[in-house]
Amino acid sequence: MKLSNNGIKLIKSFEGLKLNAYQDVAGVWTIGYGSTRYPDGRAVKHGDKLTDEAQANTLFINTLSKYVEAVNKGAKVALSQNQFDALVSFIYNVGTGAVTSSTLFKMLNAGNYQNAADQFLLWNKITDPQTGKKVPFKTLSLRRAQERALFLSV
């Protein structure tokens, strides 16, 4: 499957556009629409800059491909477009490791769509870079609620 325009809009709405590299709330260097690496594998670092939104879009599309592929490979059950879009948004934010390790994907692949949907809401925490503890984060709670709603709107 491919990510729809609605899925792209959802991810971009939460990631926002930043042409200058910044550290996200978890302390990870990020640029563009939430990219942490360039196509050649180099990590984003302090001082990096993109020239314009077109360059950010190109980086976003490149970044997005690995998350689309991860969901396509990791989901063993039929998905609606909305379910796929919600899952890609989720994985784009939490990383591809969640495809194999999360209860969300385990429940999904067991065909338990409702319980899988409910798992989105549990992924609302960041690791505080100063304490190392997991703490709820308002923006993540909102993102997970929107992803869950999209997932359920088959």
N, C-alpha and C. Protein backbone atom coordinates (compact mmCIF):
# COMPACT_ATOMS: atom_id res chain seq x y z
N MET A 1 0.84 -1.19 0.00
CA MET A 1 0.00 0.00 0.00
C MET A 1 0.88 1.24 0.00
N LYS A 2 0.29 2.35 -0.37
CA LYS A 2 0.97 3.64 -0.35
C LYS A 2 0.25 4.57 0.60
N LEU A 3 0.98 5.50 1.16
CA LEU A 3 0.39 6.49 2.06
C LEU A 3 -0.46 7.45 1.23
N SER A 4 -1.66 7.74 1.70
CA SER A 4 -2.54 8.66 0.98
C SER A 4 -2.19 10.11 1.32
N ASN A 5 -2.80 11.02 0.60
CA ASN A 5 -2.61 12.44 0.89
C ASN A 5 -3.08 12.78 2.30
N ASN A 6 -4.14 12.11 2.77
CA ASN A 6 -4.60 12.35 4.14
C ASN A 6 -3.55 11.91 5.15
N GLY A 7 -2.89 10.79 4.89
CA GLY A 7 -1.83 10.32 5.78
C GLY A 7 -0.66 11.28 5.78
N ILE A 8 -0.29 11.79 4.61
CA ILE A 8 0.79 12.76 4.52
C ILE A 8 0.44 14.01 5.31
N LYS A 9 -0.78 14.50 5.14
CA LYS A 9 -1.22 15.70 5.87
C LYS A 9 -1.19 15.48 7.37
N LEU A 10 -1.61 14.30 7.82
CA LEU A 10 -1.60 14.01 9.26
C LEU A 10 -0.18 14.07 9.81
N ILE A 11 0.73 13.40 9.16
CA ILE A 11 2.13 13.40 9.63
C ILE A 11 2.69 14.81 9.62
N LYS A 12 2.52 15.52 8.52
CA LYS A 12 3.06 16.87 8.42
C LYS A 12 2.45 17.80 9.47
N SER A 13 1.18 17.61 9.78
CA SER A 13 0.53 18.50 10.75
C SER A 13 1.15 18.36 12.13
N PHE A 14 1.58 17.17 12.48
CA PHE A 14 2.20 16.97 13.80
C PHE A 14 3.70 17.25 13.77
N GLU A 15 4.35 16.94 12.69
CA GLU A 15 5.80 17.16 12.61
C GLU A 15 6.13 18.64 12.43
N GLY A 16 5.33 19.35 11.65
CA GLY A 16 5.61 20.75 11.37
C GLY A 16 6.83 20.87 10.46
N LEU A 17 7.01 22.03 9.86
CA LEU A 17 8.13 22.27 8.96
C LEU A 17 9.16 23.15 9.64
N LYS A 18 10.37 22.65 9.73
CA LYS A 18 11.50 23.40 10.29
C LYS A 18 12.67 23.28 9.32
N LEU A 19 13.10 24.41 8.77
CA LEU A 19 14.21 24.40 7.82
C LEU A 19 15.57 24.35 8.50
N ASN A 20 15.61 24.72 9.77
CA ASN A 20 16.85 24.65 10.57
C ASN A 20 16.76 23.47 11.52
N ALA A 21 17.84 22.74 11.65
CA ALA A 21 17.86 21.58 12.56
C ALA A 21 17.54 22.04 13.98
N TYR A 22 16.80 21.20 14.68
CA TYR A 22 16.42 21.48 16.07
C TYR A 22 16.37 20.16 16.83
N GLN A 23 16.44 20.25 18.13
CA GLN A 23 16.27 19.04 18.95
C GLN A 23 14.80 18.93 19.32
N ASP A 24 14.22 17.77 19.04
CA ASP A 24 12.82 17.56 19.42
C ASP A 24 12.72 17.39 20.93
N VAL A 25 11.50 17.15 21.42
CA VAL A 25 11.29 17.09 22.87
C VAL A 25 12.06 15.96 23.53
N ALA A 26 12.47 14.98 22.75
CA ALA A 26 13.26 13.88 23.30
C ALA A 26 14.76 14.10 23.11
N GLY A 27 15.11 15.27 22.55
CA GLY A 27 16.52 15.59 22.38
C GLY A 27 17.15 15.09 21.10
N VAL A 28 16.35 14.62 20.14
CA VAL A 28 16.86 14.07 18.88
C VAL A 28 16.93 15.20 17.85
N TRP A 29 18.07 15.33 17.16
CA TRP A 29 18.22 16.34 16.12
C TRP A 29 17.33 15.98 14.93
N THR A 30 16.55 16.96 14.49
CA THR A 30 15.50 16.77 13.51
C THR A 30 15.48 17.96 12.55
N ILE A 31 15.00 17.72 11.32
CA ILE A 31 14.90 18.81 10.34
C ILE A 31 13.76 18.51 9.37
N GLY A 32 13.28 19.54 8.70
CA GLY A 32 12.22 19.36 7.71
C GLY A 32 10.92 18.98 8.39
N TYR A 33 10.33 17.89 7.92
CA TYR A 33 9.10 17.36 8.51
C TYR A 33 9.42 16.14 9.37
N GLY A 34 10.28 16.32 10.35
CA GLY A 34 10.56 15.25 11.29
C GLY A 34 11.64 14.27 10.87
N SER A 35 12.45 14.63 9.89
CA SER A 35 13.53 13.72 9.46
C SER A 35 14.70 13.80 10.43
N THR A 36 15.25 12.65 10.75
CA THR A 36 16.41 12.59 11.64
C THR A 36 17.67 12.13 10.91
N ARG A 37 17.50 11.70 9.66
CA ARG A 37 18.63 11.25 8.84
C ARG A 37 18.42 11.72 7.40
N TYR A 38 19.53 11.83 6.70
CA TYR A 38 19.51 12.19 5.28
C TYR A 38 19.51 10.91 4.45
N PRO A 39 19.20 11.02 3.14
CA PRO A 39 19.16 9.81 2.29
C PRO A 39 20.44 8.98 2.32
N ASP A 40 21.58 9.62 2.56
CA ASP A 40 22.85 8.88 2.60
C ASP A 40 23.13 8.25 3.97
N GLY A 41 22.18 8.40 4.91
CA GLY A 41 22.32 7.79 6.23
C GLY A 41 22.91 8.68 7.31
N ARG A 42 23.45 9.84 6.90
CA ARG A 42 24.00 10.76 7.90
C ARG A 42 22.90 11.27 8.82
N ALA A 43 23.23 11.40 10.09
CA ALA A 43 22.29 11.93 11.07
C ALA A 43 22.21 13.45 10.94
N VAL A 44 21.03 13.99 11.17
CA VAL A 44 20.86 15.44 11.25
C VAL A 44 21.64 15.92 12.47
N LYS A 45 22.27 17.10 12.33
CA LYS A 45 23.06 17.63 13.44
C LYS A 45 22.84 19.13 13.60
N HIS A 46 23.28 19.64 14.71
CA HIS A 46 23.20 21.07 14.99
C HIS A 46 23.81 21.87 13.84
N GLY A 47 23.13 22.93 13.42
CA GLY A 47 23.64 23.79 12.37
C GLY A 47 23.18 23.42 10.97
N ASP A 48 22.58 22.24 10.79
CA ASP A 48 22.09 21.85 9.46
C ASP A 48 20.93 22.74 9.05
N LYS A 49 20.84 23.02 7.73
CA LYS A 49 19.78 23.87 7.20
C LYS A 49 19.30 23.30 5.88
N LEU A 50 18.00 23.44 5.65
CA LEU A 50 17.43 23.15 4.35
C LEU A 50 17.15 24.49 3.67
N THR A 51 17.21 24.49 2.35
CA THR A 51 17.06 25.76 1.64
C THR A 51 15.62 26.25 1.55
N ASP A 52 14.68 25.30 1.41
CA ASP A 52 13.29 25.70 1.23
C ASP A 52 12.36 24.52 1.47
N GLU A 53 11.06 24.78 1.35
CA GLU A 53 10.06 23.73 1.58
C GLU A 53 10.18 22.60 0.56
N ALA A 54 10.56 22.93 -0.67
CA ALA A 54 10.72 21.88 -1.69
C ALA A 54 11.79 20.88 -1.26
N GLN A 55 12.89 21.36 -0.73
CA GLN A 55 13.95 20.47 -0.25
C GLN A 55 13.45 19.65 0.94
N ALA A 56 12.66 20.27 1.82
CA ALA A 56 12.09 19.56 2.96
C ALA A 56 11.13 18.47 2.50
N ASN A 57 10.33 18.75 1.46
CA ASN A 57 9.41 17.75 0.92
C ASN A 57 10.15 16.57 0.32
N THR A 58 11.23 16.85 -0.40
CA THR A 58 12.03 15.78 -0.98
C THR A 58 12.61 14.89 0.12
N LEU A 59 13.13 15.50 1.16
CA LEU A 59 13.67 14.73 2.28
C LEU A 59 12.56 13.93 2.97
N PHE A 60 11.40 14.54 3.14
CA PHE A 60 10.26 13.87 3.78
C PHE A 60 9.86 12.62 2.99
N ILE A 61 9.71 12.75 1.69
CA ILE A 61 9.31 11.61 0.86
C ILE A 61 10.35 10.50 0.96
N ASN A 62 11.63 10.86 0.96
CA ASN A 62 12.68 9.86 1.11
C ASN A 62 12.60 9.20 2.48
N THR A 63 12.43 10.00 3.52
CA THR A 63 12.34 9.48 4.89
C THR A 63 11.14 8.56 5.04
N LEU A 64 10.04 8.98 4.46
CA LEU A 64 8.78 8.27 4.58
C LEU A 64 8.85 6.85 4.03
N SER A 65 9.63 6.64 2.99
CA SER A 65 9.63 5.34 2.30
C SER A 65 9.94 4.18 3.23
N LYS A 66 10.87 4.34 4.17
CA LYS A 66 11.20 3.21 5.04
C LYS A 66 10.06 2.88 6.01
N TYR A 67 9.26 3.87 6.37
CA TYR A 67 8.16 3.63 7.28
C TYR A 67 6.97 2.99 6.56
N VAL A 68 6.74 3.41 5.33
CA VAL A 68 5.71 2.77 4.50
C VAL A 68 6.08 1.31 4.29
N GLU A 69 7.34 1.06 3.96
CA GLU A 69 7.80 -0.31 3.75
C GLU A 69 7.67 -1.15 5.02
N ALA A 70 7.98 -0.55 6.16
CA ALA A 70 7.90 -1.29 7.43
C ALA A 70 6.46 -1.72 7.72
N VAL A 71 5.51 -0.84 7.49
CA VAL A 71 4.11 -1.20 7.73
C VAL A 71 3.65 -2.23 6.71
N ASN A 72 4.03 -2.06 5.45
CA ASN A 72 3.66 -3.05 4.43
C ASN A 72 4.20 -4.44 4.77
N LYS A 73 5.40 -4.51 5.29
CA LYS A 73 5.99 -5.81 5.65
C LYS A 73 5.45 -6.33 6.98
N GLY A 74 5.20 -5.43 7.92
CA GLY A 74 4.84 -5.85 9.27
C GLY A 74 3.39 -6.19 9.49
N ALA A 75 2.50 -5.61 8.69
CA ALA A 75 1.06 -5.89 8.85
C ALA A 75 0.73 -7.15 8.07
N LYS A 76 0.27 -8.16 8.78
CA LYS A 76 -0.03 -9.46 8.16
C LYS A 76 -1.52 -9.65 7.90
N VAL A 77 -2.31 -8.61 8.14
CA VAL A 77 -3.76 -8.67 7.94
C VAL A 77 -4.16 -7.58 6.95
N ALA A 78 -5.36 -7.69 6.42
CA ALA A 78 -5.86 -6.68 5.48
C ALA A 78 -6.08 -5.36 6.22
N LEU A 79 -5.71 -4.26 5.55
CA LEU A 79 -5.87 -2.93 6.12
C LEU A 79 -6.66 -2.05 5.17
N SER A 80 -7.49 -1.20 5.75
CA SER A 80 -8.11 -0.15 4.95
C SER A 80 -7.06 0.95 4.74
N GLN A 81 -7.34 1.88 3.84
CA GLN A 81 -6.41 2.99 3.63
C GLN A 81 -6.23 3.80 4.90
N ASN A 82 -7.31 4.05 5.63
CA ASN A 82 -7.21 4.82 6.88
C ASN A 82 -6.38 4.09 7.93
N GLN A 83 -6.54 2.79 8.03
CA GLN A 83 -5.74 2.02 8.98
C GLN A 83 -4.26 2.10 8.61
N PHE A 84 -3.98 1.94 7.33
CA PHE A 84 -2.60 2.02 6.86
C PHE A 84 -2.01 3.39 7.16
N ASP A 85 -2.73 4.45 6.85
CA ASP A 85 -2.25 5.81 7.09
C ASP A 85 -1.97 6.04 8.57
N ALA A 86 -2.86 5.58 9.44
CA ALA A 86 -2.67 5.74 10.89
C ALA A 86 -1.43 4.99 11.35
N LEU A 87 -1.23 3.79 10.84
CA LEU A 87 -0.06 2.98 11.24
C LEU A 87 1.24 3.61 10.75
N VAL A 88 1.26 4.15 9.54
CA VAL A 88 2.48 4.79 9.05
C VAL A 88 2.79 6.03 9.88
N SER A 89 1.77 6.82 10.21
CA SER A 89 2.00 7.99 11.06
C SER A 89 2.59 7.57 12.40
N PHE A 90 2.05 6.53 12.97
CA PHE A 90 2.53 6.00 14.25
C PHE A 90 3.99 5.57 14.16
N ILE A 91 4.31 4.75 13.15
CA ILE A 91 5.67 4.23 13.00
C ILE A 91 6.64 5.34 12.63
N TYR A 92 6.20 6.32 11.86
CA TYR A 92 7.04 7.46 11.51
C TYR A 92 7.48 8.17 12.79
N ASN A 93 6.62 8.20 13.77
CA ASN A 93 6.92 8.91 15.01
C ASN A 93 7.69 8.06 16.02
N VAL A 94 7.37 6.78 16.13
CA VAL A 94 7.99 5.97 17.19
C VAL A 94 9.14 5.09 16.69
N GLY A 95 9.24 4.90 15.38
CA GLY A 95 10.33 4.10 14.83
C GLY A 95 9.88 2.72 14.38
N THR A 96 10.66 2.16 13.47
CA THR A 96 10.29 0.88 12.85
C THR A 96 10.36 -0.31 13.81
N GLY A 97 11.09 -0.18 14.90
CA GLY A 97 11.16 -1.28 15.86
C GLY A 97 9.82 -1.66 16.43
N ALA A 98 8.89 -0.70 16.47
CA ALA A 98 7.56 -0.97 17.03
C ALA A 98 6.77 -1.95 16.16
N VAL A 99 7.16 -2.11 14.90
CA VAL A 99 6.44 -3.05 14.04
C VAL A 99 6.60 -4.47 14.57
N THR A 100 7.77 -4.81 15.04
CA THR A 100 8.00 -6.18 15.50
C THR A 100 7.84 -6.33 17.01
N SER A 101 7.97 -5.24 17.75
CA SER A 101 7.99 -5.39 19.21
C SER A 101 6.73 -4.92 19.92
N SER A 102 5.88 -4.16 19.27
CA SER A 102 4.75 -3.55 19.99
C SER A 102 3.55 -4.49 20.11
N THR A 103 2.84 -4.33 21.19
CA THR A 103 1.58 -5.04 21.38
C THR A 103 0.58 -4.61 20.33
N LEU A 104 0.66 -3.35 19.89
CA LEU A 104 -0.25 -2.85 18.86
C LEU A 104 -0.17 -3.74 17.62
N PHE A 105 1.03 -3.99 17.12
CA PHE A 105 1.16 -4.82 15.91
C PHE A 105 0.87 -6.29 16.20
N LYS A 106 1.17 -6.75 17.40
CA LYS A 106 0.83 -8.15 17.73
C LYS A 106 -0.68 -8.35 17.72
N MET A 107 -1.41 -7.40 18.29
CA MET A 107 -2.88 -7.50 18.28
C MET A 107 -3.43 -7.34 16.87
N LEU A 108 -2.87 -6.40 16.13
CA LEU A 108 -3.29 -6.19 14.74
C LEU A 108 -3.14 -7.49 13.95
N ASN A 109 -1.96 -8.08 14.03
CA ASN A 109 -1.69 -9.29 13.24
C ASN A 109 -2.45 -10.51 13.72
N ALA A 110 -3.00 -10.43 14.93
CA ALA A 110 -3.89 -11.49 15.42
C ALA A 110 -5.34 -11.23 14.97
N GLY A 111 -5.54 -10.12 14.25
CA GLY A 111 -6.88 -9.79 13.77
C GLY A 111 -7.73 -9.05 14.77
N ASN A 112 -7.13 -8.62 15.86
CA ASN A 112 -7.87 -7.92 16.91
C ASN A 112 -7.73 -6.41 16.70
N TYR A 113 -8.50 -5.89 15.75
CA TYR A 113 -8.38 -4.50 15.33
C TYR A 113 -8.74 -3.52 16.45
N GLN A 114 -9.76 -3.81 17.20
CA GLN A 114 -10.19 -2.89 18.27
C GLN A 114 -9.12 -2.75 19.35
N ASN A 115 -8.60 -3.87 19.81
CA ASN A 115 -7.55 -3.79 20.83
C ASN A 115 -6.27 -3.16 20.27
N ALA A 116 -5.99 -3.41 19.00
CA ALA A 116 -4.84 -2.75 18.37
C ALA A 116 -5.05 -1.24 18.38
N ALA A 117 -6.25 -0.80 18.04
CA ALA A 117 -6.57 0.64 18.03
C ALA A 117 -6.37 1.25 19.41
N ASP A 118 -6.78 0.53 20.43
CA ASP A 118 -6.65 1.04 21.80
C ASP A 118 -5.19 1.18 22.22
N GLN A 119 -4.31 0.41 21.60
CA GLN A 119 -2.88 0.47 21.93
C GLN A 119 -2.24 1.80 21.52
N PHE A 120 -2.79 2.46 20.51
CA PHE A 120 -2.23 3.76 20.10
C PHE A 120 -2.10 4.69 21.31
N LEU A 121 -3.13 4.70 22.14
CA LEU A 121 -3.20 5.66 23.25
C LEU A 121 -2.12 5.46 24.30
N LEU A 122 -1.52 4.27 24.34
CA LEU A 122 -0.49 3.98 25.33
C LEU A 122 0.87 4.54 24.93
N TRP A 123 1.01 4.97 23.70
CA TRP A 123 2.28 5.47 23.17
C TRP A 123 2.33 6.99 23.21
N ASN A 124 2.02 7.56 24.35
CA ASN A 124 1.93 9.02 24.50
C ASN A 124 3.04 9.60 25.38
N LYS A 125 4.11 8.85 25.53
CA LYS A 125 5.18 9.29 26.44
C LYS A 125 6.49 9.52 25.68
N ILE A 126 7.28 10.43 26.25
CA ILE A 126 8.64 10.65 25.75
C ILE A 126 9.60 10.28 26.87
N THR A 127 10.82 10.04 26.50
CA THR A 127 11.86 9.86 27.51
C THR A 127 12.43 11.23 27.82
N ASP A 128 12.25 11.68 29.03
CA ASP A 128 12.77 12.97 29.44
C ASP A 128 14.30 12.92 29.35
N PRO A 129 14.90 13.79 28.51
CA PRO A 129 16.35 13.72 28.32
C PRO A 129 17.14 14.03 29.60
N GLN A 130 16.52 14.68 30.56
CA GLN A 130 17.23 15.02 31.78
C GLN A 130 17.12 13.95 32.86
N THR A 131 15.95 13.27 32.90
CA THR A 131 15.77 12.26 33.95
C THR A 131 15.85 10.84 33.42
N GLY A 132 15.64 10.66 32.10
CA GLY A 132 15.63 9.33 31.53
C GLY A 132 14.33 8.58 31.78
N LYS A 133 13.36 9.24 32.41
CA LYS A 133 12.08 8.59 32.72
C LYS A 133 11.05 8.89 31.63
N LYS A 134 10.12 7.94 31.45
CA LYS A 134 9.03 8.12 30.50
C LYS A 134 7.97 9.02 31.13
N VAL A 135 7.59 10.07 30.41
CA VAL A 135 6.59 11.01 30.90
C VAL A 135 5.57 11.28 29.80
N PRO A 136 4.28 11.40 30.17
CA PRO A 136 3.26 11.72 29.16
C PRO A 136 3.55 13.09 28.53
N PHE A 137 3.22 13.21 27.25
CA PHE A 137 3.45 14.45 26.53
C PHE A 137 2.16 14.80 25.79
N LYS A 138 1.65 16.01 26.02
CA LYS A 138 0.34 16.41 25.52
C LYS A 138 0.20 16.24 24.00
N THR A 139 1.21 16.70 23.25
CA THR A 139 1.13 16.61 21.79
C THR A 139 1.08 15.16 21.32
N LEU A 140 1.81 14.28 22.00
CA LEU A 140 1.76 12.86 21.64
C LEU A 140 0.40 12.26 21.96
N SER A 141 -0.19 12.68 23.06
CA SER A 141 -1.53 12.19 23.40
C SER A 141 -2.53 12.58 22.31
N LEU A 142 -2.43 13.81 21.83
CA LEU A 142 -3.31 14.28 20.76
C LEU A 142 -3.04 13.52 19.47
N ARG A 143 -1.78 13.32 19.14
CA ARG A 143 -1.44 12.59 17.92
C ARG A 143 -1.98 11.17 17.98
N ARG A 144 -1.75 10.49 19.10
CA ARG A 144 -2.22 9.11 19.22
C ARG A 144 -3.74 9.02 19.14
N ALA A 145 -4.44 10.00 19.72
CA ALA A 145 -5.91 10.00 19.64
C ALA A 145 -6.36 10.16 18.19
N GLN A 146 -5.70 11.02 17.44
CA GLN A 146 -6.07 11.21 16.03
C GLN A 146 -5.72 9.98 15.20
N GLU A 147 -4.58 9.36 15.48
CA GLU A 147 -4.22 8.15 14.75
C GLU A 147 -5.22 7.04 15.04
N ARG A 148 -5.61 6.91 16.30
CA ARG A 148 -6.59 5.89 16.69
C ARG A 148 -7.92 6.14 15.99
N ALA A 149 -8.37 7.39 16.00
CA ALA A 149 -9.65 7.73 15.35
C ALA A 149 -9.59 7.42 13.86
N LEU A 150 -8.48 7.75 13.22
CA LEU A 150 -8.32 7.45 11.80
C LEU A 150 -8.33 5.94 11.57
N PHE A 151 -7.61 5.21 12.40
CA PHE A 151 -7.53 3.76 12.30
C PHE A 151 -8.94 3.13 12.39
N LEU A 152 -9.76 3.68 13.29
CA LEU A 152 -11.11 3.12 13.50
C LEU A 152 -12.12 3.58 12.45
N SER A 153 -11.77 4.58 11.66
CA SER A 153 -12.72 5.10 10.66
C SER A 153 -12.53 4.39 9.33
N VAL A 154 -12.66 3.06 9.38
CA VAL A 154 -12.46 2.25 8.19
C VAL A 154 -13.48 2.62 7.15
